[in-house]
Structure formats: structure tokens, C-alpha cells
C-alpha atoms as a PDB file:
ATOM      1  CA  MET A   1      88.224 288.447 241.604  1.00  0.00           C
ATOM      2  CA  LYS A   2      88.527 288.548 245.216  1.00  0.00           C
ATOM      3  CA  LYS A   3      90.562 291.392 246.990  1.00  0.00           C
ATOM      4  CA  VAL A   4      93.354 290.415 248.932  1.00  0.00           C
ATOM      5  CA  PHE A   5      94.212 292.322 252.267  1.00  0.00           C
ATOM      6  CA  CYS A   6      98.088 292.393 253.636  1.00  0.00           C
ATOM      7  CA  ILE A   7      98.211 293.272 256.923  1.00  0.00           C
ATOM      8  CA  GLY A   8     101.732 293.647 258.638  1.00  0.00           C
ATOM      9  CA  GLU A   9     105.479 296.057 257.862  1.00  0.00           C
ATOM     10  CA  LEU A  10     106.308 298.331 255.214  1.00  0.00           C
ATOM     11  CA  LEU A  11     109.833 299.692 255.873  1.00  0.00           C
ATOM     12  CA  ILE A  12     113.207 300.573 254.249  1.00  0.00           C
ATOM     13  CA  ASP A  13     115.560 298.184 253.373  1.00  0.00           C
ATOM     14  CA  PHE A  14     119.271 299.793 252.818  1.00  0.00           C
ATOM     15  CA  VAL A  15     120.800 297.326 250.934  1.00  0.00           C
ATOM     16  CA  ALA A  16     124.605 296.570 250.878  1.00  0.00           C
ATOM     17  CA  GLU A  17     124.798 295.127 247.840  1.00  0.00           C
ATOM     18  CA  ASN A  18     128.283 292.389 246.677  1.00  0.00           C
ATOM     19  CA  GLN A  19     129.660 293.704 249.921  1.00  0.00           C
ATOM     20  CA  GLY A  20     129.241 290.014 251.129  1.00  0.00           C
ATOM     21  CA  SER A  21     126.636 288.660 254.037  1.00  0.00           C
ATOM     22  CA  ASP A  22     128.365 290.357 257.320  1.00  0.00           C
ATOM     23  CA  LEU A  23     126.808 293.677 257.802  1.00  0.00           C
ATOM     24  CA  SER A  24     129.741 294.848 259.693  1.00  0.00           C
ATOM     25  CA  LYS A  25     131.699 295.132 256.968  1.00  0.00           C
ATOM     26  CA  ALA A  26     129.499 296.887 254.757  1.00  0.00           C
ATOM     27  CA  LYS A  27     129.966 300.538 253.909  1.00  0.00           C
ATOM     28  CA  GLU A  28     127.611 301.179 251.009  1.00  0.00           C
ATOM     29  CA  PHE A  29     123.866 301.176 250.781  1.00  0.00           C
ATOM     30  CA  THR A  30     121.418 301.678 248.538  1.00  0.00           C
ATOM     31  CA  LYS A  31     117.563 302.708 249.754  1.00  0.00           C
ATOM     32  CA  LYS A  32     114.843 300.095 248.840  1.00  0.00           C
ATOM     33  CA  ALA A  33     111.091 299.419 249.835  1.00  0.00           C
ATOM     34  CA  GLY A  34     110.387 296.211 251.955  1.00  0.00           C
ATOM     35  CA  GLY A  35     108.512 294.243 254.444  1.00  0.00           C
ATOM     36  CA  ALA A  36     107.118 291.318 254.086  1.00  0.00           C
ATOM     37  CA  PRO A  37     103.306 291.900 253.482  1.00  0.00           C
ATOM     38  CA  ALA A  38     103.959 295.153 251.863  1.00  0.00           C
ATOM     39  CA  ASN A  39     105.902 293.396 249.072  1.00  0.00           C
ATOM     40  CA  VAL A  40     103.563 290.458 248.715  1.00  0.00           C
ATOM     41  CA  ALA A  41     100.511 293.222 247.979  1.00  0.00           C
ATOM     42  CA  CYS A  42     103.041 294.538 245.297  1.00  0.00           C
ATOM     43  CA  ALA A  43     103.222 291.232 243.795  1.00  0.00           C
ATOM     44  CA  ILE A  44      99.620 290.827 243.504  1.00  0.00           C
ATOM     45  CA  SER A  45      98.956 294.004 242.272  1.00  0.00           C
ATOM     46  CA  LYS A  46     101.735 293.975 239.287  1.00  0.00           C
ATOM     47  CA  LEU A  47     100.191 290.530 238.553  1.00  0.00           C
ATOM     48  CA  GLY A  48      96.911 292.358 237.883  1.00  0.00           C
ATOM     49  CA  ALA A  49      95.280 291.619 240.772  1.00  0.00           C
ATOM     50  CA  LYS A  50      93.461 293.687 243.919  1.00  0.00           C
ATOM     51  CA  SER A  51      96.029 294.517 246.684  1.00  0.00           C
ATOM     52  CA  ILE A  52      95.032 296.460 249.859  1.00  0.00           C
ATOM     53  CA  PHE A  53      97.727 297.111 252.524  1.00  0.00           C
ATOM     54  CA  VAL A  54      96.953 297.788 255.699  1.00  0.00           C
ATOM     55  CA  GLY A  55     100.188 298.769 257.786  1.00  0.00           C
ATOM     56  CA  CYS A  56     101.701 301.928 259.484  1.00  0.00           C
ATOM     57  CA  VAL A  57     104.651 304.212 258.355  1.00  0.00           C
ATOM     58  CA  GLY A  58     106.368 307.161 259.750  1.00  0.00           C
ATOM     59  CA  ASP A  59     105.018 310.659 258.871  1.00  0.00           C
ATOM     60  CA  ASP A  60     108.594 311.381 257.330  1.00  0.00           C
ATOM     61  CA  PRO A  61     110.178 311.499 254.166  1.00  0.00           C
ATOM     62  CA  PHE A  62     110.917 307.753 254.270  1.00  0.00           C
ATOM     63  CA  GLY A  63     107.207 307.071 255.221  1.00  0.00           C
ATOM     64  CA  ILE A  64     106.038 308.960 252.479  1.00  0.00           C
ATOM     65  CA  PHE A  65     108.893 307.385 249.720  1.00  0.00           C
ATOM     66  CA  LEU A  66     107.360 303.898 250.774  1.00  0.00           C
ATOM     67  CA  LEU A  67     103.866 304.441 250.487  1.00  0.00           C
ATOM     68  CA  ASN A  68     104.638 306.447 246.989  1.00  0.00           C
ATOM     69  CA  ILE A  69     106.119 302.985 245.677  1.00  0.00           C
ATOM     70  CA  LEU A  70     103.018 301.126 246.770  1.00  0.00           C
ATOM     71  CA  GLU A  71     100.777 303.610 244.923  1.00  0.00           C
ATOM     72  CA  ASP A  72     102.983 303.444 241.702  1.00  0.00           C
ATOM     73  CA  VAL A  73     102.358 299.260 241.273  1.00  0.00           C
ATOM     74  CA  ASN A  74      98.606 300.172 242.127  1.00  0.00           C
ATOM     75  CA  VAL A  75      98.364 298.669 245.516  1.00  0.00           C
ATOM     76  CA  ASP A  76      95.479 300.257 247.655  1.00  0.00           C
ATOM     77  CA  ILE A  77      96.785 302.253 250.716  1.00  0.00           C
ATOM     78  CA  SER A  78      93.845 303.808 251.658  1.00  0.00           C
ATOM     79  CA  LEU A  79      94.089 301.849 255.101  1.00  0.00           C
ATOM     80  CA  ALA A  80      97.918 302.696 255.386  1.00  0.00           C
ATOM     81  CA  GLN A  81      98.651 304.601 258.698  1.00  0.00           C
ATOM     82  CA  LYS A  82     101.160 307.007 259.762  1.00  0.00           C
ATOM     83  CA  SER A  83     102.653 307.643 263.238  1.00  0.00           C
ATOM     84  CA  GLU A  84     104.868 310.255 264.647  1.00  0.00           C
ATOM     85  CA  THR A  85     106.964 307.541 265.341  1.00  0.00           C
ATOM     86  CA  PHE A  86     109.766 306.701 262.588  1.00  0.00           C
ATOM     87  CA  THR A  87     109.623 304.393 259.541  1.00  0.00           C
ATOM     88  CA  THR A  88     111.182 300.872 260.426  1.00  0.00           C
ATOM     89  CA  LEU A  89     114.604 300.175 258.755  1.00  0.00           C
ATOM     90  CA  ALA A  90     116.009 297.031 257.725  1.00  0.00           C
ATOM     91  CA  PHE A  91     119.930 296.700 256.964  1.00  0.00           C
ATOM     92  CA  VAL A  92     120.700 293.764 254.893  1.00  0.00           C
ATOM     93  CA  SER A  93     123.709 292.668 253.597  1.00  0.00           C
ATOM     94  CA  ILE A  94     123.671 290.292 250.013  1.00  0.00           C
ATOM     95  CA  ASP A  95     126.724 288.254 248.947  1.00  0.00           C
ATOM     96  CA  ALA A  96     127.807 287.193 245.855  1.00  0.00           C
ATOM     97  CA  ASP A  97     125.173 283.963 245.938  1.00  0.00           C
ATOM     98  CA  GLY A  98     122.186 286.290 246.836  1.00  0.00           C
ATOM     99  CA  GLU A  99     121.989 285.279 250.605  1.00  0.00           C
ATOM    100  CA  ARG A 100     121.569 287.624 253.114  1.00  0.00           C
ATOM    101  CA  ASP A 101     121.727 289.158 256.458  1.00  0.00           C
ATOM    102  CA  PHE A 102     118.997 290.901 258.374  1.00  0.00           C
ATOM    103  CA  VAL A 103     119.345 294.033 261.221  1.00  0.00           C
ATOM    104  CA  PHE A 104     116.192 295.703 261.630  1.00  0.00           C
ATOM    105  CA  SER A 105     115.705 299.063 263.881  1.00  0.00           C
ATOM    106  CA  ARG A 106     112.111 299.160 264.442  1.00  0.00           C
ATOM    107  CA  GLY A 107     109.974 302.043 264.269  1.00  0.00           C
ATOM    108  CA  ALA A 108     106.302 302.903 262.406  1.00  0.00           C
ATOM    109  CA  ASP A 109     105.359 299.406 261.622  1.00  0.00           C
ATOM    110  CA  LYS A 110     104.497 298.686 265.549  1.00  0.00           C
ATOM    111  CA  GLU A 111     102.333 301.680 265.957  1.00  0.00           C
ATOM    112  CA  LEU A 112      99.363 300.081 263.697  1.00  0.00           C
ATOM    113  CA  LYS A 113      96.024 300.493 265.383  1.00  0.00           C
ATOM    114  CA  TYR A 114      93.156 298.018 264.718  1.00  0.00           C
ATOM    115  CA  ASP A 115      90.194 299.619 262.433  1.00  0.00           C
ATOM    116  CA  PRO A 116      86.944 298.246 263.080  1.00  0.00           C
ATOM    117  CA  SER A 117      85.425 299.668 259.938  1.00  0.00           C
ATOM    118  CA  ILE A 118      87.364 296.941 257.577  1.00  0.00           C
ATOM    119  CA  LYS A 119      86.147 293.892 259.304  1.00  0.00           C
ATOM    120  CA  ASN A 120      82.853 293.761 256.581  1.00  0.00           C
ATOM    121  CA  ASP A 121      85.332 294.323 253.677  1.00  0.00           C
ATOM    122  CA  PHE A 122      86.639 291.116 254.658  1.00  0.00           C
ATOM    123  CA  LYS A 123      83.621 289.234 253.527  1.00  0.00           C
ATOM    124  CA  GLY A 124      84.029 286.891 250.811  1.00  0.00           C
ATOM    125  CA  ASN A 125      87.995 288.174 250.214  1.00  0.00           C
ATOM    126  CA  MET A 126      91.385 287.229 251.180  1.00  0.00           C
ATOM    127  CA  VAL A 127      93.650 288.298 254.258  1.00  0.00           C
ATOM    128  CA  HIS A 128      97.282 287.611 254.158  1.00  0.00           C
ATOM    129  CA  PHE A 129      98.877 287.344 257.365  1.00  0.00           C
ATOM    130  CA  GLY A 130     102.697 287.583 256.494  1.00  0.00           C
ATOM    131  CA  ALA A 131     104.536 290.269 258.723  1.00  0.00           C
ATOM    132  CA  ALA A 132     108.057 289.560 260.000  1.00  0.00           C
ATOM    133  CA  THR A 133     107.390 291.697 263.086  1.00  0.00           C
ATOM    134  CA  ALA A 134     103.682 291.553 263.603  1.00  0.00           C
ATOM    135  CA  LEU A 135     104.675 288.770 266.917  1.00  0.00           C
ATOM    136  CA  LEU A 136     106.742 291.393 268.654  1.00  0.00           C
ATOM    137  CA  GLY A 137     104.222 293.099 270.537  1.00  0.00           C
ATOM    138  CA  GLY A 138     103.063 296.854 270.488  1.00  0.00           C
ATOM    139  CA  LYS A 139      99.448 297.900 268.619  1.00  0.00           C
ATOM    140  CA  LEU A 140     100.476 296.155 265.535  1.00  0.00           C
ATOM    141  CA  GLU A 141     100.299 292.656 267.373  1.00  0.00           C
ATOM    142  CA  ASP A 142      97.028 293.729 269.057  1.00  0.00           C
ATOM    143  CA  ALA A 143      95.605 295.161 265.552  1.00  0.00           C
ATOM    144  CA  TYR A 144      97.052 291.687 263.820  1.00  0.00           C
ATOM    145  CA  GLY A 145      95.145 289.395 266.029  1.00  0.00           C
ATOM    146  CA  ARG A 146      91.930 291.154 265.791  1.00  0.00           C
ATOM    147  CA  TYR A 147      92.170 291.298 262.088  1.00  0.00           C
ATOM    148  CA  PHE A 148      92.710 287.515 262.384  1.00  0.00           C
ATOM    149  CA  PHE A 149      89.741 287.236 264.204  1.00  0.00           C
ATOM    150  CA  ASP A 150      87.665 289.292 261.983  1.00  0.00           C
ATOM    151  CA  ALA A 151      89.130 287.275 259.202  1.00  0.00           C
ATOM    152  CA  LEU A 152      87.798 283.900 260.944  1.00  0.00           C
ATOM    153  CA  THR A 153      84.436 284.907 261.670  1.00  0.00           C
ATOM    154  CA  GLN A 154      84.242 286.762 258.106  1.00  0.00           C
ATOM    155  CA  ASN A 155      85.064 283.135 256.409  1.00  0.00           C
ATOM    156  CA  SER A 156      88.078 284.910 254.800  1.00  0.00           C
ATOM    157  CA  PHE A 157      90.498 282.765 252.832  1.00  0.00           C
ATOM    158  CA  ILE A 158      93.375 283.269 255.163  1.00  0.00           C
ATOM    159  CA  SER A 159      96.545 282.722 254.689  1.00  0.00           C
ATOM    160  CA  PHE A 160      99.834 282.715 256.718  1.00  0.00           C
ATOM    161  CA  ASP A 161     103.811 283.143 256.577  1.00  0.00           C
ATOM    162  CA  PRO A 162     105.640 283.680 259.661  1.00  0.00           C
ATOM    163  CA  ASN A 163     108.418 284.927 257.703  1.00  0.00           C
ATOM    164  CA  TYR A 164     111.168 284.142 260.883  1.00  0.00           C
ATOM    165  CA  ARG A 165     113.872 286.426 261.041  1.00  0.00           C
ATOM    166  CA  VAL A 166     116.872 285.065 263.699  1.00  0.00           C
ATOM    167  CA  ASP A 167     118.011 288.492 264.381  1.00  0.00           C
ATOM    168  CA  LEU A 168     114.498 289.690 265.465  1.00  0.00           C
ATOM    169  CA  TRP A 169     113.624 285.959 267.560  1.00  0.00           C
ATOM    170  CA  LYS A 170     117.421 284.929 269.065  1.00  0.00           C
ATOM    171  CA  ASN A 171     116.519 283.469 272.185  1.00  0.00           C
ATOM    172  CA  LYS A 172     112.951 283.878 272.100  1.00  0.00           C
ATOM    173  CA  GLU A 173     112.262 280.496 269.162  1.00  0.00           C
ATOM    174  CA  GLU A 174     109.742 279.115 271.594  1.00  0.00           C
ATOM    175  CA  GLN A 175     107.761 282.267 271.861  1.00  0.00           C
ATOM    176  CA  PHE A 176     107.694 282.606 268.109  1.00  0.00           C
ATOM    177  CA  ILE A 177     106.418 279.217 268.026  1.00  0.00           C
ATOM    178  CA  LYS A 178     103.749 279.452 270.413  1.00  0.00           C
ATOM    179  CA  LYS A 179     102.441 282.658 268.576  1.00  0.00           C
ATOM    180  CA  CYS A 180     102.462 281.134 265.200  1.00  0.00           C
ATOM    181  CA  MET A 181     100.229 278.414 266.647  1.00  0.00           C
ATOM    182  CA  PRO A 182      96.735 280.164 266.441  1.00  0.00           C
ATOM    183  CA  PHE A 183      97.490 280.780 262.532  1.00  0.00           C
ATOM    184  CA  VAL A 184      98.881 277.277 261.582  1.00  0.00           C
ATOM    185  CA  GLN A 185      95.857 275.740 262.816  1.00  0.00           C
ATOM    186  CA  LYS A 186      93.033 278.178 261.113  1.00  0.00           C
ATOM    187  CA  SER A 187      94.672 279.288 257.914  1.00  0.00           C
ATOM    188  CA  HIS A 188      93.869 277.703 254.375  1.00  0.00           C
ATOM    189  CA  LEU A 189      97.191 278.061 253.452  1.00  0.00           C
ATOM    190  CA  CYS A 190     100.371 278.490 255.346  1.00  0.00           C
ATOM    191  CA  LYS A 191     103.822 279.576 253.203  1.00  0.00           C
ATOM    192  CA  PHE A 192     106.741 278.111 254.938  1.00  0.00           C
ATOM    193  CA  SER A 193     110.741 278.679 254.157  1.00  0.00           C
ATOM    194  CA  LEU A 194     112.187 274.938 254.683  1.00  0.00           C
ATOM    195  CA  GLU A 195     113.713 276.776 258.169  1.00  0.00           C
ATOM    196  CA  GLU A 196     110.433 277.703 259.275  1.00  0.00           C
ATOM    197  CA  ALA A 197     108.630 273.908 258.703  1.00  0.00           C
ATOM    198  CA  GLN A 198     111.119 272.513 260.384  1.00  0.00           C
ATOM    199  CA  LEU A 199     110.958 274.965 263.717  1.00  0.00           C
ATOM    200  CA  LEU A 200     107.291 275.095 264.140  1.00  0.00           C
ATOM    201  CA  SER A 201     106.587 271.460 263.862  1.00  0.00           C
ATOM    202  CA  GLY A 202     109.982 270.434 265.679  1.00  0.00           C
ATOM    203  CA  LYS A 203     111.403 267.752 263.113  1.00  0.00           C
ATOM    204  CA  THR A 204     113.785 267.899 260.469  1.00  0.00           C
ATOM    205  CA  ASP A 205     112.299 265.572 257.883  1.00  0.00           C
ATOM    206  CA  LEU A 206     109.952 267.478 255.559  1.00  0.00           C
ATOM    207  CA  THR A 207     106.958 264.611 255.371  1.00  0.00           C
ATOM    208  CA  GLU A 208     107.293 264.407 259.319  1.00  0.00           C
ATOM    209  CA  ALA A 209     106.674 267.903 259.468  1.00  0.00           C
ATOM    210  CA  CYS A 210     104.080 268.304 257.084  1.00  0.00           C
ATOM    211  CA  ASP A 211     101.895 265.799 259.257  1.00  0.00           C
ATOM    212  CA  VAL A 212     102.825 267.778 262.359  1.00  0.00           C
ATOM    213  CA  LEU A 213     101.703 270.646 260.989  1.00  0.00           C
ATOM    214  CA  HIS A 214      98.335 269.272 258.987  1.00  0.00           C
ATOM    215  CA  GLU A 215      97.651 267.622 262.706  1.00  0.00           C
ATOM    216  CA  ILE A 216      97.792 271.373 264.081  1.00  0.00           C
ATOM    217  CA  GLY A 217      95.224 272.844 261.568  1.00  0.00           C
ATOM    218  CA  THR A 218      95.943 273.640 258.474  1.00  0.00           C
ATOM    219  CA  GLU A 219      94.911 271.857 255.339  1.00  0.00           C
ATOM    220  CA  THR A 220      97.697 273.169 252.495  1.00  0.00           C
ATOM    221  CA  ILE A 221     101.043 273.430 252.815  1.00  0.00           C
ATOM    222  CA  VAL A 222     103.715 275.023 250.583  1.00  0.00           C
ATOM    223  CA  ILE A 223     107.484 274.715 251.716  1.00  0.00           C
ATOM    224  CA  THR A 224     109.646 276.502 249.212  1.00  0.00           C
ATOM    225  CA  LEU A 225     113.110 275.192 248.988  1.00  0.00           C
ATOM    226  CA  GLY A 226     115.031 277.799 246.923  1.00  0.00           C
ATOM    227  CA  GLY A 227     116.327 276.112 243.837  1.00  0.00           C
ATOM    228  CA  GLU A 228     114.410 273.022 244.362  1.00  0.00           C
ATOM    229  CA  GLY A 229     111.203 274.458 244.013  1.00  0.00           C
ATOM    230  CA  THR A 230     108.437 273.748 246.073  1.00  0.00           C
ATOM    231  CA  LEU A 231     107.123 271.103 248.488  1.00  0.00           C
ATOM    232  CA  LEU A 232     103.020 270.852 248.363  1.00  0.00           C
ATOM    233  CA  SER A 233     101.684 269.455 250.905  1.00  0.00           C
ATOM    234  CA  THR A 234      97.893 268.168 251.886  1.00  0.00           C
ATOM    235  CA  PRO A 235      96.658 265.501 253.812  1.00  0.00           C
ATOM    236  CA  LYS A 236      95.710 263.632 250.893  1.00  0.00           C
ATOM    237  CA  TYR A 237      99.236 263.857 249.108  1.00  0.00           C
ATOM    238  CA  LYS A 238     102.675 265.799 248.913  1.00  0.00           C
ATOM    239  CA  LYS A 239     104.723 266.176 245.888  1.00  0.00           C
ATOM    240  CA  THR A 240     108.033 268.551 245.007  1.00  0.00           C
ATOM    241  CA  ILE A 241     107.177 271.138 242.129  1.00  0.00           C
ATOM    242  CA  PRO A 242     110.102 272.164 240.303  1.00  0.00           C
ATOM    243  CA  SER A 243     111.091 275.755 239.806  1.00  0.00           C
ATOM    244  CA  ILE A 244     113.231 277.231 236.383  1.00  0.00           C
ATOM    245  CA  SER A 245     116.578 277.465 236.644  1.00  0.00           C
ATOM    246  CA  VAL A 246     118.502 280.947 237.030  1.00  0.00           C
ATOM    247  CA  THR A 247     121.482 282.776 238.811  1.00  0.00           C
ATOM    248  CA  PRO A 248     120.112 284.328 242.037  1.00  0.00           C
ATOM    249  CA  ILE A 249     121.683 287.924 243.017  1.00  0.00           C
ATOM    250  CA  ASP A 250     119.388 288.842 245.475  1.00  0.00           C
ATOM    251  CA  THR A 251     116.934 286.526 246.940  1.00  0.00           C
ATOM    252  CA  THR A 252     115.390 288.876 248.951  1.00  0.00           C
ATOM    253  CA  GLY A 253     111.424 288.819 248.292  1.00  0.00           C
ATOM    254  CA  ALA A 254     111.264 285.546 246.209  1.00  0.00           C
ATOM    255  CA  GLY A 255     108.935 283.938 248.991  1.00  0.00           C
ATOM    256  CA  ASP A 256     107.273 287.137 248.514  1.00  0.00           C
ATOM    257  CA  ALA A 257     106.731 286.815 245.080  1.00  0.00           C
ATOM    258  CA  PHE A 258     106.050 283.331 245.370  1.00  0.00           C
ATOM    259  CA  ILE A 259     103.151 283.504 247.490  1.00  0.00           C
ATOM    260  CA  GLY A 260     101.942 286.916 245.994  1.00  0.00           C
ATOM    261  CA  CYS A 261     101.481 285.061 242.665  1.00  0.00           C
ATOM    262  CA  LEU A 262      99.881 282.023 244.431  1.00  0.00           C
ATOM    263  CA  LEU A 263      96.981 284.173 246.613  1.00  0.00           C
ATOM    264  CA  LYS A 264      96.530 286.116 242.783  1.00  0.00           C
ATOM    265  CA  GLN A 265      95.757 282.380 241.145  1.00  0.00           C
ATOM    266  CA  ILE A 266      93.528 281.416 244.206  1.00  0.00           C
ATOM    267  CA  SER A 267      92.106 285.474 243.681  1.00  0.00           C
ATOM    268  CA  THR A 268      90.734 284.674 240.833  1.00  0.00           C
ATOM    269  CA  SER A 269      88.689 281.534 240.933  1.00  0.00           C
ATOM    270  CA  THR A 270      85.010 281.485 242.060  1.00  0.00           C
ATOM    271  CA  ASN A 271      85.471 278.777 245.220  1.00  0.00           C
ATOM    272  CA  PHE A 272      88.490 278.490 247.223  1.00  0.00           C
ATOM    273  CA  GLU A 273      87.486 275.093 248.159  1.00  0.00           C
ATOM    274  CA  ASP A 274      87.435 274.094 244.702  1.00  0.00           C
ATOM    275  CA  VAL A 275      91.190 275.044 243.991  1.00  0.00           C
ATOM    276  CA  LEU A 276      92.417 273.926 247.482  1.00  0.00           C
ATOM    277  CA  ASN A 277      91.034 270.381 246.857  1.00  0.00           C
ATOM    278  CA  ASP A 278      92.397 270.277 242.753  1.00  0.00           C
ATOM    279  CA  GLU A 279      95.630 268.667 242.698  1.00  0.00           C
ATOM    280  CA  THR A 280      96.265 269.011 239.132  1.00  0.00           C
ATOM    281  CA  ILE A 281      94.981 273.064 239.432  1.00  0.00           C
ATOM    282  CA  LEU A 282      96.795 273.309 242.761  1.00  0.00           C
ATOM    283  CA  THR A 283     100.134 271.970 241.145  1.00  0.00           C
ATOM    284  CA  GLN A 284      99.928 274.760 238.003  1.00  0.00           C
ATOM    285  CA  MET A 285      99.549 277.518 240.214  1.00  0.00           C
ATOM    286  CA  VAL A 286     102.823 276.377 242.369  1.00  0.00           C
ATOM    287  CA  ALA A 287     104.676 276.109 239.194  1.00  0.00           C
ATOM    288  CA  MET A 288     103.583 279.500 238.149  1.00  0.00           C
ATOM    289  CA  ALA A 289     104.442 280.949 241.666  1.00  0.00           C
ATOM    290  CA  ASN A 290     107.864 279.196 241.612  1.00  0.00           C
ATOM    291  CA  LYS A 291     108.465 280.968 238.698  1.00  0.00           C
ATOM    292  CA  ALA A 292     107.640 284.560 240.194  1.00  0.00           C
ATOM    293  CA  GLY A 293     110.026 283.901 243.070  1.00  0.00           C
ATOM    294  CA  ALA A 294     112.742 282.897 240.784  1.00  0.00           C
ATOM    295  CA  ILE A 295     112.337 285.869 238.633  1.00  0.00           C
ATOM    296  CA  THR A 296     112.317 288.346 241.617  1.00  0.00           C
ATOM    297  CA  THR A 297     115.876 286.743 242.610  1.00  0.00           C
ATOM    298  CA  THR A 298     117.627 287.926 239.020  1.00  0.00           C
ATOM    299  CA  ASN A 299     117.565 291.648 240.468  1.00  0.00           C
ATOM    300  CA  PHE A 300     118.429 293.679 243.893  1.00  0.00           C
ATOM    301  CA  GLY A 301     115.547 294.811 245.613  1.00  0.00           C
ATOM    302  CA  ALA A 302     112.526 293.196 246.404  1.00  0.00           C
ATOM    303  CA  ILE A 303     109.432 295.149 244.714  1.00  0.00           C
ATOM    304  CA  GLU A 304     111.407 296.523 241.948  1.00  0.00           C
ATOM    305  CA  ALA A 305     112.427 292.699 240.985  1.00  0.00           C
ATOM    306  CA  LEU A 306     108.697 291.634 241.206  1.00  0.00           C
ATOM    307  CA  PRO A 307     107.406 289.981 237.694  1.00  0.00           C
ATOM    308  CA  SER A 308     104.966 291.676 235.592  1.00  0.00           C
ATOM    309  CA  GLN A 309     101.910 289.270 233.676  1.00  0.00           C
ATOM    310  CA  ASN A 310     104.135 289.766 231.083  1.00  0.00           C
ATOM    311  CA  GLN A 311     107.063 288.691 232.257  1.00  0.00           C
ATOM    312  CA  LEU A 312     105.776 285.486 233.817  1.00  0.00           C
ATOM    313  CA  GLU A 313     103.861 284.626 230.348  1.00  0.00           C
ATOM    314  CA  SER A 314     106.854 285.301 228.275  1.00  0.00           C
END
């Protein structure tokens, strides 16, 4: 089984549950652990595989809380860093349909320092680049790019999820697109939401969007479509794989659960290329990942809601 390195932010989600999607009207918040790459690391670990989180939190009570959460679900936090900068916070409102509104207060996540000693550990393993804040500047963006180069030179399996957040990139969409392009070009697997696929490709039609993204370079694309399932696309075929029917109460972390489950399954294979080139196997994996994402929406909070292997199989 391969190790999966997840690079990026770990933060506090202050969640306003069932108070509508307008944060200005929310009055009560619950503290939850969050951050896209941290969620993915937890999803992988909770399903019985080996994940390593690479990111930075504040040397404060919130940072300690977050690292304890990861450790409780057996994520390897030996490469996590602490900073004197306060832990990053996100305020999230959730309406009755599970839809969200985000506001970020950036802190320690941007202070991640590049560690050259990790490079050799990437060899033969998997590296997931999925941070919502990683392309916003600071030491994190520098480390992110250097780890990407290391993953390329060590022939790692590379996964990319842009985790686009409107609040973070308002009036800077072209900059976001430009910064994502090297990852789309070189990654073995790219996971997009519908909005991300359309934004990065410049196409509203998903068939055309996938064709553009394949031309840029990525071989395998998965586009999550909520209750409709996931569009799986390669240069040879495109197919929509249905999900299971659930009543969502919080969609936070559903995409992270999906890609975490998919990466966990790929990590158990002896040859990455064989999996990506086998339509039957890849379809089955995406169907299982759909199930993980759907289950996650039936509870509040990303990490707490992530399913175990027993839940997936039952």
C-alpha cells in the first residue's frame, strides 16, 4: 500500500448550522476541524490507508485541537509545522439544503516552510495537492510549488483538486486559472467541481470542458456533480457514474471524502497506470468514492462525517 502525502491547510471551521446561507445573519457557531487537504488525509486514514499531512497551524489552542483531531484518526502528523501566527479560521454558514457560504481569516496555513528532506519519501508514493489557500501567496505557495517539483522528479502519483473558493479569488479569477495550469498539465488525476471545470476550461459544456483540460495535459478527470454523481473522463471515454440517494444536511467535505476514497483505493494498487487505464476498475472505484461523498453529507462537520470502511461496506 502506497503512502499519500496531503499538502496544504488545516484550519478551524466555525460552522453556523441551519441558520441560512447568509453569514451576516448567523448568531451561533460550532468549532469543527477543516481544511481540504486535511480532510482528504483523514478520509484516507479512516478508510484504513496511510496518509501524511504536510501543513502548518498556529502554536495555540486551536492548532493543538486540530493536530489532535488528525492524530485521533491515525493521520501521520510528523511533518506538520507550528507557527507563532494564529491558526487559520473559516466561518461557514449552512442552509437547509446543505449549501454553504464561506469567509476566511487566513493565519498560520500560509507559513508552511519547504522541507527538502521530504523529497525522497515521495518516491513511489502519492502526493495530493488540494489546498484552497495554497495559491494565495506566502511561504505556503512557495513550498507547494517546490513539493510539486519534487513529486514530478520522484515519479510520484500526483493528484490535484483546485478547491476554488469565490471569497478568496473574487476579481482574481484569471490569476487563479493561470496558477492552476501547471498542476492540470502534469497531474495524473484531477478532481473538479462543475464550477471549477467550467472556470479552468472556459467552456460551459462539460464534454468540451473535459476535452480542453485533457489537451492541457491531465489524463484522468473526475467532475463531481452532487446528487447526479460524477463525470469520469479520459481521452478514450466519458461516462457519468451515479451516486447513492441521501438527504444532505451539510455538503462540507463531500468532495474531500470523494477524492480521499478514490486515492485510498488507488493506493492499494501495485501499478498506478494499470488502474487509470482500466475502465472497469476505475468506474468501480469512482462509484465507491461517490458513496463516501454522499455519506459525508448526512452529518455536520467534514472530518466527523467522513465514513469508515465498515460504513462504506454496510
